[in-house]
C-alpha atoms as a PDB file:
ATOM      1  CA  MET A   1     158.033 100.615-105.911  1.00  0.00           C
ATOM      2  CA  PRO A   2     156.118  97.996-108.088  1.00  0.00           C
ATOM      3  CA  GLU A   3     154.269  95.186-106.439  1.00  0.00           C
ATOM      4  CA  VAL A   4     155.746  92.529-108.737  1.00  0.00           C
ATOM      5  CA  ILE A   5     159.156  92.355-110.672  1.00  0.00           C
ATOM      6  CA  VAL A   6     159.104  89.790-113.376  1.00  0.00           C
ATOM      7  CA  ILE A   7     162.565  88.484-114.445  1.00  0.00           C
ATOM      8  CA  GLY A   8     162.608  87.892-118.195  1.00  0.00           C
ATOM      9  CA  SER A   9     160.943  89.043-121.209  1.00  0.00           C
ATOM     10  CA  GLY A  10     160.388  86.017-123.547  1.00  0.00           C
ATOM     11  CA  VAL A  11     156.903  84.554-124.005  1.00  0.00           C
ATOM     12  CA  ILE A  12     156.793  83.197-120.380  1.00  0.00           C
ATOM     13  CA  GLY A  13     157.776  86.460-118.773  1.00  0.00           C
ATOM     14  CA  LEU A  14     155.822  88.668-120.843  1.00  0.00           C
ATOM     15  CA  SER A  15     152.721  86.314-120.528  1.00  0.00           C
ATOM     16  CA  ALA A  16     152.875  86.310-116.740  1.00  0.00           C
ATOM     17  CA  ALA A  17     153.502  90.091-116.550  1.00  0.00           C
ATOM     18  CA  ARG A  18     150.458  90.777-118.700  1.00  0.00           C
ATOM     19  CA  CYS A  19     148.364  88.065-116.849  1.00  0.00           C
ATOM     20  CA  LEU A  20     149.313  89.861-113.404  1.00  0.00           C
ATOM     21  CA  GLN A  21     148.399  93.405-114.811  1.00  0.00           C
ATOM     22  CA  LEU A  22     145.064  92.064-115.841  1.00  0.00           C
ATOM     23  CA  SER A  23     144.546  90.800-112.195  1.00  0.00           C
ATOM     24  CA  GLY A  24     145.427  94.427-110.882  1.00  0.00           C
ATOM     25  CA  TYR A  25     149.151  94.214-110.204  1.00  0.00           C
ATOM     26  CA  ASP A  26     151.710  96.820-110.866  1.00  0.00           C
ATOM     27  CA  VAL A  27     154.355  95.114-112.869  1.00  0.00           C
ATOM     28  CA  HIS A  28     158.002  96.008-113.695  1.00  0.00           C
ATOM     29  CA  ILE A  29     160.044  93.578-115.981  1.00  0.00           C
ATOM     30  CA  VAL A  30     163.746  93.345-115.339  1.00  0.00           C
ATOM     31  CA  THR A  31     165.393  91.489-118.443  1.00  0.00           C
ATOM     32  CA  ARG A  32     168.792  90.523-119.818  1.00  0.00           C
ATOM     33  CA  GLU A  33     167.497  90.513-123.500  1.00  0.00           C
ATOM     34  CA  LEU A  34     164.666  92.390-125.027  1.00  0.00           C
ATOM     35  CA  PRO A  35     161.795  90.494-126.134  1.00  0.00           C
ATOM     36  CA  GLU A  36     162.904  90.606-130.006  1.00  0.00           C
ATOM     37  CA  GLN A  37     166.335  89.146-128.804  1.00  0.00           C
ATOM     38  CA  THR A  38     165.211  86.280-126.377  1.00  0.00           C
ATOM     39  CA  THR A  39     164.957  82.529-127.459  1.00  0.00           C
ATOM     40  CA  SER A  40     161.285  83.037-127.798  1.00  0.00           C
ATOM     41  CA  ILE A  41     161.838  84.806-131.130  1.00  0.00           C
ATOM     42  CA  ALA A  42     163.315  81.916-132.458  1.00  0.00           C
ATOM     43  CA  ALA A  43     160.409  79.273-131.694  1.00  0.00           C
ATOM     44  CA  GLY A  44     158.396  77.572-133.928  1.00  0.00           C
ATOM     45  CA  ALA A  45     155.680  78.691-131.658  1.00  0.00           C
ATOM     46  CA  MET A  46     152.997  76.029-132.656  1.00  0.00           C
ATOM     47  CA  TRP A  47     150.548  74.912-130.050  1.00  0.00           C
ATOM     48  CA  SER A  48     151.935  71.254-129.388  1.00  0.00           C
ATOM     49  CA  ALA A  49     150.616  69.141-126.488  1.00  0.00           C
ATOM     50  CA  SER A  50     151.220  65.772-127.531  1.00  0.00           C
ATOM     51  CA  ASN A  51     153.856  64.632-125.101  1.00  0.00           C
ATOM     52  CA  LEU A  52     152.370  66.616-122.111  1.00  0.00           C
ATOM     53  CA  GLU A  53     151.537  64.765-119.019  1.00  0.00           C
ATOM     54  CA  ALA A  54     149.751  66.006-115.368  1.00  0.00           C
ATOM     55  CA  ARG A  55     149.278  69.508-115.006  1.00  0.00           C
ATOM     56  CA  SER A  56     151.200  70.586-118.055  1.00  0.00           C
ATOM     57  CA  ARG A  57     147.989  69.427-119.703  1.00  0.00           C
ATOM     58  CA  ASN A  58     145.873  71.989-117.855  1.00  0.00           C
ATOM     59  CA  TRP A  59     148.293  74.616-118.622  1.00  0.00           C
ATOM     60  CA  ALA A  60     148.346  73.686-122.389  1.00  0.00           C
ATOM     61  CA  MET A  61     144.472  73.699-122.287  1.00  0.00           C
ATOM     62  CA  ALA A  62     144.270  77.136-120.704  1.00  0.00           C
ATOM     63  CA  SER A  63     146.714  78.604-123.486  1.00  0.00           C
ATOM     64  CA  LEU A  64     144.571  76.834-126.075  1.00  0.00           C
ATOM     65  CA  ARG A  65     141.538  78.615-125.029  1.00  0.00           C
ATOM     66  CA  HIS A  66     143.626  82.106-124.982  1.00  0.00           C
ATOM     67  CA  PHE A  67     144.911  81.400-128.356  1.00  0.00           C
ATOM     68  CA  LEU A  68     141.958  80.228-130.323  1.00  0.00           C
ATOM     69  CA  PRO A  69     139.945  83.702-130.164  1.00  0.00           C
ATOM     70  CA  LEU A  70     143.211  85.351-131.244  1.00  0.00           C
ATOM     71  CA  THR A  71     143.224  83.523-134.502  1.00  0.00           C
ATOM     72  CA  ASP A  72     140.016  85.443-135.371  1.00  0.00           C
ATOM     73  CA  GLU A  73     141.849  88.938-134.477  1.00  0.00           C
ATOM     74  CA  ARG A  74     143.651  90.948-137.266  1.00  0.00           C
ATOM     75  CA  ASN A  75     147.359  91.412-136.506  1.00  0.00           C
ATOM     76  CA  SER A  76     147.494  89.224-133.321  1.00  0.00           C
ATOM     77  CA  GLY A  77     150.291  87.183-134.655  1.00  0.00           C
ATOM     78  CA  VAL A  78     148.121  83.841-134.151  1.00  0.00           C
ATOM     79  CA  THR A  79     146.716  81.978-136.893  1.00  0.00           C
ATOM     80  CA  LEU A  80     144.594  78.835-137.099  1.00  0.00           C
ATOM     81  CA  GLN A  81     146.980  76.554-138.990  1.00  0.00           C
ATOM     82  CA  ARG A  82     146.267  72.987-140.381  1.00  0.00           C
ATOM     83  CA  MET A  83     149.124  70.753-139.596  1.00  0.00           C
ATOM     84  CA  ARG A  84     150.279  67.137-140.573  1.00  0.00           C
ATOM     85  CA  GLU A  85     151.847  65.580-137.749  1.00  0.00           C
ATOM     86  CA  VAL A  86     153.520  62.162-138.711  1.00  0.00           C
ATOM     87  CA  TYR A  87     155.313  59.338-136.867  1.00  0.00           C
ATOM     88  CA  ALA A  88     157.287  56.330-137.704  1.00  0.00           C
ATOM     89  CA  GLU A  89     155.191  54.080-135.273  1.00  0.00           C
ATOM     90  CA  LYS A  90     151.616  53.623-134.543  1.00  0.00           C
ATOM     91  CA  VAL A  91     150.130  56.212-132.115  1.00  0.00           C
ATOM     92  CA  PRO A  92     146.958  56.639-130.330  1.00  0.00           C
ATOM     93  CA  ASP A  93     144.682  59.887-130.763  1.00  0.00           C
ATOM     94  CA  PRO A  94     146.247  62.557-128.903  1.00  0.00           C
ATOM     95  CA  TRP A  95     144.520  63.463-125.580  1.00  0.00           C
ATOM     96  CA  TYR A  96     143.176  66.770-126.786  1.00  0.00           C
ATOM     97  CA  ARG A  97     141.922  65.894-129.996  1.00  0.00           C
ATOM     98  CA  ASP A  98     138.110  66.751-129.030  1.00  0.00           C
ATOM     99  CA  ARG A  99     139.413  70.285-128.069  1.00  0.00           C
ATOM    100  CA  LEU A 100     140.448  71.276-131.442  1.00  0.00           C
ATOM    101  CA  PRO A 101     138.474  72.812-134.282  1.00  0.00           C
ATOM    102  CA  PHE A 102     139.346  69.910-136.571  1.00  0.00           C
ATOM    103  CA  PHE A 103     141.090  66.565-136.398  1.00  0.00           C
ATOM    104  CA  GLN A 104     141.321  63.706-138.623  1.00  0.00           C
ATOM    105  CA  ARG A 105     143.698  60.607-138.937  1.00  0.00           C
ATOM    106  CA  LEU A 106     146.044  60.068-141.886  1.00  0.00           C
ATOM    107  CA  SER A 107     145.272  57.352-144.331  1.00  0.00           C
ATOM    108  CA  LYS A 108     148.099  54.986-145.346  1.00  0.00           C
ATOM    109  CA  HIS A 109     148.313  56.488-148.803  1.00  0.00           C
ATOM    110  CA  GLU A 110     148.721  59.820-147.268  1.00  0.00           C
ATOM    111  CA  LEU A 111     151.980  58.785-145.480  1.00  0.00           C
ATOM    112  CA  ARG A 112     155.504  58.461-147.088  1.00  0.00           C
ATOM    113  CA  GLY A 113     158.771  56.421-146.561  1.00  0.00           C
ATOM    114  CA  GLN A 114     159.080  55.007-143.349  1.00  0.00           C
ATOM    115  CA  LEU A 115     156.190  56.819-141.694  1.00  0.00           C
ATOM    116  CA  VAL A 116     153.287  54.711-140.629  1.00  0.00           C
ATOM    117  CA  ASP A 117     150.997  57.002-138.549  1.00  0.00           C
ATOM    118  CA  GLY A 118     149.814  60.443-138.144  1.00  0.00           C
ATOM    119  CA  TYR A 119     147.000  63.075-138.354  1.00  0.00           C
ATOM    120  CA  LEU A 120     145.640  66.377-139.693  1.00  0.00           C
ATOM    121  CA  MET A 121     144.571  68.942-137.183  1.00  0.00           C
ATOM    122  CA  ASP A 122     143.961  72.828-136.929  1.00  0.00           C
ATOM    123  CA  VAL A 123     146.026  74.329-134.099  1.00  0.00           C
ATOM    124  CA  PRO A 124     147.178  77.804-133.167  1.00  0.00           C
ATOM    125  CA  MET A 125     150.251  78.855-134.772  1.00  0.00           C
ATOM    126  CA  VAL A 126     152.186  81.865-133.358  1.00  0.00           C
ATOM    127  CA  ALA A 127     154.411  84.243-135.346  1.00  0.00           C
ATOM    128  CA  PRO A 128     156.595  85.434-132.397  1.00  0.00           C
ATOM    129  CA  PRO A 129     157.891  88.773-133.795  1.00  0.00           C
ATOM    130  CA  ILE A 130     154.187  90.111-134.407  1.00  0.00           C
ATOM    131  CA  TYR A 131     152.689  88.227-131.349  1.00  0.00           C
ATOM    132  CA  LEU A 132     155.469  89.353-128.695  1.00  0.00           C
ATOM    133  CA  GLU A 133     155.472  92.963-129.994  1.00  0.00           C
ATOM    134  CA  ARG A 134     151.887  92.979-129.507  1.00  0.00           C
ATOM    135  CA  LEU A 135     152.016  91.547-125.922  1.00  0.00           C
ATOM    136  CA  HIS A 136     154.926  94.065-124.998  1.00  0.00           C
ATOM    137  CA  ASP A 137     152.811  96.864-126.371  1.00  0.00           C
ATOM    138  CA  GLN A 138     149.807  95.873-124.486  1.00  0.00           C
ATOM    139  CA  PHE A 139     151.850  95.537-121.221  1.00  0.00           C
ATOM    140  CA  VAL A 140     153.354  99.275-121.702  1.00  0.00           C
ATOM    141  CA  ALA A 141     150.057 100.747-122.580  1.00  0.00           C
ATOM    142  CA  ALA A 142     148.697  99.231-119.278  1.00  0.00           C
ATOM    143  CA  GLY A 143     151.220 101.091-117.269  1.00  0.00           C
ATOM    144  CA  GLY A 144     154.014  98.242-117.319  1.00  0.00           C
ATOM    145  CA  THR A 145     157.665  99.264-117.355  1.00  0.00           C
ATOM    146  CA  LEU A 146     160.765  97.350-118.682  1.00  0.00           C
ATOM    147  CA  GLU A 147     164.406  97.641-117.880  1.00  0.00           C
ATOM    148  CA  GLU A 148     167.191  95.943-119.634  1.00  0.00           C
ATOM    149  CA  ARG A 149     169.664  94.839-117.034  1.00  0.00           C
ATOM    150  CA  THR A 150     171.662  91.676-116.221  1.00  0.00           C
ATOM    151  CA  ILE A 151     171.387  90.260-112.816  1.00  0.00           C
ATOM    152  CA  GLU A 152     173.407  87.511-111.407  1.00  0.00           C
ATOM    153  CA  THR A 153     171.235  86.339-108.650  1.00  0.00           C
ATOM    154  CA  LEU A 154     167.614  86.875-107.380  1.00  0.00           C
ATOM    155  CA  ASP A 155     169.262  88.550-104.130  1.00  0.00           C
ATOM    156  CA  GLU A 156     170.051  91.686-106.313  1.00  0.00           C
ATOM    157  CA  LEU A 157     166.178  92.410-106.562  1.00  0.00           C
ATOM    158  CA  ALA A 158     165.379  91.567-102.897  1.00  0.00           C
ATOM    159  CA  ASN A 159     164.810  95.213-102.078  1.00  0.00           C
ATOM    160  CA  GLU A 160     162.974  96.204-105.102  1.00  0.00           C
ATOM    161  CA  ALA A 161     159.579  94.678-104.800  1.00  0.00           C
ATOM    162  CA  PRO A 162     157.828  92.527-102.259  1.00  0.00           C
ATOM    163  CA  LEU A 163     157.457  89.626-105.097  1.00  0.00           C
ATOM    164  CA  LEU A 164     159.529  88.416-107.617  1.00  0.00           C
ATOM    165  CA  VAL A 165     158.519  86.295-110.656  1.00  0.00           C
ATOM    166  CA  ASN A 166     161.504  84.231-111.965  1.00  0.00           C
ATOM    167  CA  CYS A 167     160.934  83.593-115.662  1.00  0.00           C
ATOM    168  CA  SER A 168     164.579  83.669-116.668  1.00  0.00           C
ATOM    169  CA  GLY A 169     164.482  80.611-118.970  1.00  0.00           C
ATOM    170  CA  VAL A 170     167.808  78.887-119.350  1.00  0.00           C
ATOM    171  CA  GLY A 171     169.339  81.610-117.415  1.00  0.00           C
ATOM    172  CA  ALA A 172     167.643  80.228-114.286  1.00  0.00           C
ATOM    173  CA  ARG A 173     170.615  77.895-113.945  1.00  0.00           C
ATOM    174  CA  GLU A 174     172.639  80.896-112.655  1.00  0.00           C
ATOM    175  CA  VAL A 175     169.930  83.464-111.405  1.00  0.00           C
ATOM    176  CA  ALA A 176     168.282  80.703-109.329  1.00  0.00           C
ATOM    177  CA  GLY A 177     171.240  78.554-108.829  1.00  0.00           C
ATOM    178  CA  ASP A 178     169.185  75.622-110.641  1.00  0.00           C
ATOM    179  CA  GLU A 179     171.674  73.069-111.873  1.00  0.00           C
ATOM    180  CA  ALA A 180     168.876  70.880-113.224  1.00  0.00           C
ATOM    181  CA  VAL A 181     168.471  73.535-116.109  1.00  0.00           C
ATOM    182  CA  TYR A 182     170.270  73.051-119.316  1.00  0.00           C
ATOM    183  CA  PRO A 183     170.240  74.426-122.802  1.00  0.00           C
ATOM    184  CA  ILE A 184     168.661  72.705-125.848  1.00  0.00           C
ATOM    185  CA  ARG A 185     170.026  74.450-128.841  1.00  0.00           C
ATOM    186  CA  GLY A 186     167.673  75.219-131.616  1.00  0.00           C
ATOM    187  CA  GLN A 187     168.083  76.693-135.149  1.00  0.00           C
ATOM    188  CA  THR A 188     165.404  77.623-137.538  1.00  0.00           C
ATOM    189  CA  MET A 189     164.770  79.650-140.845  1.00  0.00           C
ATOM    190  CA  LEU A 190     162.008  81.775-141.769  1.00  0.00           C
ATOM    191  CA  LEU A 191     161.132  81.868-145.594  1.00  0.00           C
ATOM    192  CA  ASP A 192     159.287  83.628-147.923  1.00  0.00           C
ATOM    193  CA  ALA A 193     157.454  80.763-149.391  1.00  0.00           C
ATOM    194  CA  THR A 194     153.827  81.110-150.830  1.00  0.00           C
ATOM    195  CA  GLY A 195     151.145  78.641-151.515  1.00  0.00           C
ATOM    196  CA  ILE A 196     152.006  76.190-148.648  1.00  0.00           C
ATOM    197  CA  ARG A 197     148.635  75.817-146.791  1.00  0.00           C
ATOM    198  CA  VAL A 198     149.401  72.692-144.715  1.00  0.00           C
ATOM    199  CA  GLY A 199     152.363  72.525-142.159  1.00  0.00           C
ATOM    200  CA  TYR A 200     154.390  69.576-141.363  1.00  0.00           C
ATOM    201  CA  MET A 201     155.908  68.046-138.169  1.00  0.00           C
ATOM    202  CA  ASP A 202     157.919  65.027-137.717  1.00  0.00           C
ATOM    203  CA  SER A 203     159.227  65.197-134.083  1.00  0.00           C
ATOM    204  CA  SER A 204     161.228  62.067-134.194  1.00  0.00           C
ATOM    205  CA  ALA A 205     163.390  63.536-137.146  1.00  0.00           C
ATOM    206  CA  VAL A 206     163.057  67.318-135.856  1.00  0.00           C
ATOM    207  CA  ASP A 207     161.647  68.259-139.279  1.00  0.00           C
ATOM    208  CA  HIS A 208     158.990  70.990-139.237  1.00  0.00           C
ATOM    209  CA  ILE A 209     157.303  73.237-141.608  1.00  0.00           C
ATOM    210  CA  PHE A 210     155.178  75.876-140.098  1.00  0.00           C
ATOM    211  CA  PRO A 211     153.162  78.428-142.356  1.00  0.00           C
ATOM    212  CA  ARG A 212     152.733  81.590-140.121  1.00  0.00           C
ATOM    213  CA  ALA A 213     151.678  85.102-140.325  1.00  0.00           C
ATOM    214  CA  ASP A 214     155.338  86.223-141.032  1.00  0.00           C
ATOM    215  CA  GLY A 215     156.483  83.553-143.442  1.00  0.00           C
ATOM    216  CA  VAL A 216     157.346  79.867-143.350  1.00  0.00           C
ATOM    217  CA  LEU A 217     159.523  78.659-140.453  1.00  0.00           C
ATOM    218  CA  ILE A 218     161.523  75.518-141.135  1.00  0.00           C
ATOM    219  CA  GLY A 219     163.739  73.509-138.618  1.00  0.00           C
ATOM    220  CA  GLY A 220     165.176  72.236-136.859  1.00  0.00           C
ATOM    221  CA  VAL A 221     167.580  70.638-134.209  1.00  0.00           C
ATOM    222  CA  LYS A 222     167.448  69.924-130.706  1.00  0.00           C
ATOM    223  CA  ALA A 223     171.063  69.905-129.276  1.00  0.00           C
ATOM    224  CA  LYS A 224     171.146  68.952-125.567  1.00  0.00           C
ATOM    225  CA  GLY A 225     173.830  70.840-123.285  1.00  0.00           C
ATOM    226  CA  ASP A 226     174.854  73.109-126.305  1.00  0.00           C
ATOM    227  CA  TRP A 227     175.258  76.742-125.262  1.00  0.00           C
ATOM    228  CA  ASN A 228     176.636  78.016-128.531  1.00  0.00           C
ATOM    229  CA  LYS A 229     174.306  80.800-129.969  1.00  0.00           C
ATOM    230  CA  GLN A 230     176.196  81.513-133.198  1.00  0.00           C
ATOM    231  CA  LEU A 231     174.590  80.632-136.365  1.00  0.00           C
ATOM    232  CA  ASP A 232     175.737  77.217-138.075  1.00  0.00           C
ATOM    233  CA  PRO A 233     175.461  77.885-141.843  1.00  0.00           C
ATOM    234  CA  SER A 234     176.024  74.174-142.529  1.00  0.00           C
ATOM    235  CA  LEU A 235     173.209  73.483-140.362  1.00  0.00           C
ATOM    236  CA  SER A 236     170.965  75.916-142.035  1.00  0.00           C
ATOM    237  CA  ALA A 237     171.970  74.192-145.393  1.00  0.00           C
ATOM    238  CA  ASP A 238     170.944  70.957-143.866  1.00  0.00           C
ATOM    239  CA  ILE A 239     167.606  72.135-142.602  1.00  0.00           C
ATOM    240  CA  LEU A 240     166.832  73.500-146.202  1.00  0.00           C
ATOM    241  CA  ARG A 241     167.814  70.385-147.739  1.00  0.00           C
ATOM    242  CA  ARG A 242     165.686  68.223-145.480  1.00  0.00           C
ATOM    243  CA  CYS A 243     162.548  70.250-145.643  1.00  0.00           C
ATOM    244  CA  SER A 244     162.815  70.771-149.270  1.00  0.00           C
ATOM    245  CA  LYS A 245     162.513  66.973-149.701  1.00  0.00           C
ATOM    246  CA  ILE A 246     159.313  67.193-147.885  1.00  0.00           C
ATOM    247  CA  GLU A 247     158.207  70.445-149.701  1.00  0.00           C
ATOM    248  CA  LYS A 248     159.668  71.350-152.971  1.00  0.00           C
ATOM    249  CA  ARG A 249     158.567  74.712-153.036  1.00  0.00           C
ATOM    250  CA  LEU A 250     160.780  75.717-150.206  1.00  0.00           C
ATOM    251  CA  ALA A 251     164.062  75.126-152.095  1.00  0.00           C
ATOM    252  CA  ASN A 252     164.414  78.375-153.934  1.00  0.00           C
ATOM    253  CA  ALA A 253     162.508  80.336-151.340  1.00  0.00           C
ATOM    254  CA  LYS A 254     164.118  83.650-150.212  1.00  0.00           C
ATOM    255  CA  VAL A 255     165.548  83.494-146.608  1.00  0.00           C
ATOM    256  CA  LEU A 256     163.950  86.372-144.565  1.00  0.00           C
ATOM    257  CA  ARG A 257     165.762  85.637-141.236  1.00  0.00           C
ATOM    258  CA  GLU A 258     167.719  82.854-139.405  1.00  0.00           C
ATOM    259  CA  PHE A 259     167.327  82.190-135.753  1.00  0.00           C
ATOM    260  CA  VAL A 260     169.358  80.433-132.946  1.00  0.00           C
ATOM    261  CA  GLY A 261     167.765  79.905-129.514  1.00  0.00           C
ATOM    262  CA  LEU A 262     168.573  78.185-126.372  1.00  0.00           C
ATOM    263  CA  ARG A 263     165.509  76.448-125.022  1.00  0.00           C
ATOM    264  CA  PRO A 264     165.170  76.110-121.310  1.00  0.00           C
ATOM    265  CA  GLY A 265     165.415  72.454-120.729  1.00  0.00           C
ATOM    266  CA  ARG A 266     164.540  70.745-117.356  1.00  0.00           C
ATOM    267  CA  ASP A 267     163.182  67.223-116.317  1.00  0.00           C
ATOM    268  CA  GLU A 268     159.694  69.255-115.502  1.00  0.00           C
ATOM    269  CA  VAL A 269     158.704  72.880-115.536  1.00  0.00           C
ATOM    270  CA  LEU A 270     159.312  74.343-112.354  1.00  0.00           C
ATOM    271  CA  LEU A 271     156.371  76.616-111.272  1.00  0.00           C
ATOM    272  CA  GLU A 272     156.178  77.181-107.521  1.00  0.00           C
ATOM    273  CA  LEU A 273     156.116  79.830-104.634  1.00  0.00           C
ATOM    274  CA  GLU A 274     159.094  80.133-102.642  1.00  0.00           C
ATOM    275  CA  ARG A 275     158.846  81.959 -99.381  1.00  0.00           C
ATOM    276  CA  ARG A 276     162.466  83.129 -98.586  1.00  0.00           C
ATOM    277  CA  ALA A 277     164.244  83.729 -95.397  1.00  0.00           C
ATOM    278  CA  ASP A 278     163.953  87.400 -95.756  1.00  0.00           C
ATOM    279  CA  GLY A 279     160.046  87.165 -95.738  1.00  0.00           C
ATOM    280  CA  ARG A 280     159.987  88.079 -99.318  1.00  0.00           C
ATOM    281  CA  ALA A 281     158.263  85.766-101.870  1.00  0.00           C
ATOM    282  CA  VAL A 282     159.642  84.325-105.341  1.00  0.00           C
ATOM    283  CA  ILE A 283     157.427  82.627-107.841  1.00  0.00           C
ATOM    284  CA  HIS A 284     159.435  80.289-110.040  1.00  0.00           C
ATOM    285  CA  ASN A 285     158.314  79.891-113.517  1.00  0.00           C
ATOM    286  CA  TYR A 286     160.824  78.214-115.959  1.00  0.00           C
ATOM    287  CA  GLY A 287     161.935  75.015-117.556  1.00  0.00           C
ATOM    288  CA  HIS A 288     159.444  75.126-120.480  1.00  0.00           C
ATOM    289  CA  ALA A 289     161.881  73.551-123.012  1.00  0.00           C
ATOM    290  CA  ALA A 290     160.292  73.301-126.448  1.00  0.00           C
ATOM    291  CA  VAL A 291     156.705  74.191-125.379  1.00  0.00           C
ATOM    292  CA  GLY A 292     156.968  77.653-124.053  1.00  0.00           C
ATOM    293  CA  TYR A 293     154.162  78.998-126.050  1.00  0.00           C
ATOM    294  CA  THR A 294     152.079  75.946-125.481  1.00  0.00           C
ATOM    295  CA  LEU A 295     152.249  76.568-121.853  1.00  0.00           C
ATOM    296  CA  SER A 296     152.597  80.315-121.525  1.00  0.00           C
ATOM    297  CA  TRP A 297     149.172  81.510-120.667  1.00  0.00           C
ATOM    298  CA  GLY A 298     148.158  78.412-118.477  1.00  0.00           C
ATOM    299  CA  CYS A 299     151.381  78.988-116.348  1.00  0.00           C
ATOM    300  CA  ALA A 300     150.726  82.700-116.473  1.00  0.00           C
ATOM    301  CA  GLU A 301     147.297  82.162-114.815  1.00  0.00           C
ATOM    302  CA  GLU A 302     148.828  79.759-112.125  1.00  0.00           C
ATOM    303  CA  VAL A 303     151.338  82.679-111.434  1.00  0.00           C
ATOM    304  CA  VAL A 304     148.473  84.890-110.655  1.00  0.00           C
ATOM    305  CA  ALA A 305     147.023  82.136-108.242  1.00  0.00           C
ATOM    306  CA  LEU A 306     150.281  81.776-106.603  1.00  0.00           C
ATOM    307  CA  ALA A 307     150.738  85.747-106.179  1.00  0.00           C
ATOM    308  CA  GLU A 308     147.368  85.889-104.436  1.00  0.00           C
ATOM    309  CA  LYS A 309     148.721  82.996-102.104  1.00  0.00           C
ATOM    310  CA  ALA A 310     151.859  84.857-101.343  1.00  0.00           C
ATOM    311  CA  GLN A 311     149.684  88.091-100.584  1.00  0.00           C
ATOM    312  CA  SER A 312     147.452  86.184 -98.161  1.00  0.00           C
ATOM    313  CA  ARG A 313     150.189  85.208 -95.688  1.00  0.00           C
END
C-alpha cells in the first residue's frame, strides 16, 4: 500500500507527487486523464504573479526559485524569456521586480494604441509538453506509479492509502463536492514561428504571445463557467487575427497544435489538511485558476509540510 495517493496528474498533481517523493514518501497517482491530456498541457505556463496576494506570493516565489535553475538545464522545458507586459492604465512596479534577473519599465514610445504603461522582464517560460513529460519520467524513475482511473468521490480511495492529496483541478467540484469550483475555459494555439525573441502579454485583452521551447503559443480566452472542451475554429481564427496585429510574423506561421483547457476557478486556492471522520487525512490542493505553473512548486512544498503534520497526529 502506498503511503500517499495523489489525485490528478496535471502540473499541480505531478509537482506534489514529485515533491513528496523527494521527501521520502511512497506515492501513487490516480488520475482521470494522463498528463498529456490535462488542462495543464494547454496552459501558457509563464511564471506570472502580478495579481497575487497573501500566501500565494510565497508559493509563487518558491516556484520561481525552482524554475530559475531549470532555465540553465538542457531539455528541461523551461527557458528564461523576455516578456513585454502592457496595461491600459498606470500600474506600479510589480511586487516581485527585485527577484527577477531583469526588469525595466517601458517608455511612452514603446507603447501603442490605448496602452499607457508596462514593463519588460525576464521570467521562466514553461513548455508544458516537455516539462510535464520530464516531471512524469522523474516520478516513475523514482518508483512512483500512475493509474488511469475515474473516481466520483474521495471515499472511493478511503481504504487504499492513509493519506490522499486531492489535486483534481476543476474536477474537485464533483470529487470533493466543492461548489465553489468552476471552469474558466481557455483556448490556445502553438505555432512554428521563428525570430520572435520578446513575448507579449496584455491581460486586460487576454492577448498573449509566448515564445517557448516547443514553439510560440498564442491566445487566448477566459470564459468563466464554460464547460465546453471542443475546439472552436472561429475562436482560433480570432486569436490568430488579434495576435498577428501585434506580431506580423505570426500571420502565416504553421499551426503545430491547438488546445482547449478548463482552468480550475475558485475565489481562492484551497490548500489545507482535512482530517476525516474515519481518521484518514486528505490534503486539498486545487483552485489555481490561470496560475497553476506559477504556484505549482510552492504549493507542492506546502503539501509536504501538511503531510508531515498529518503524520504527527
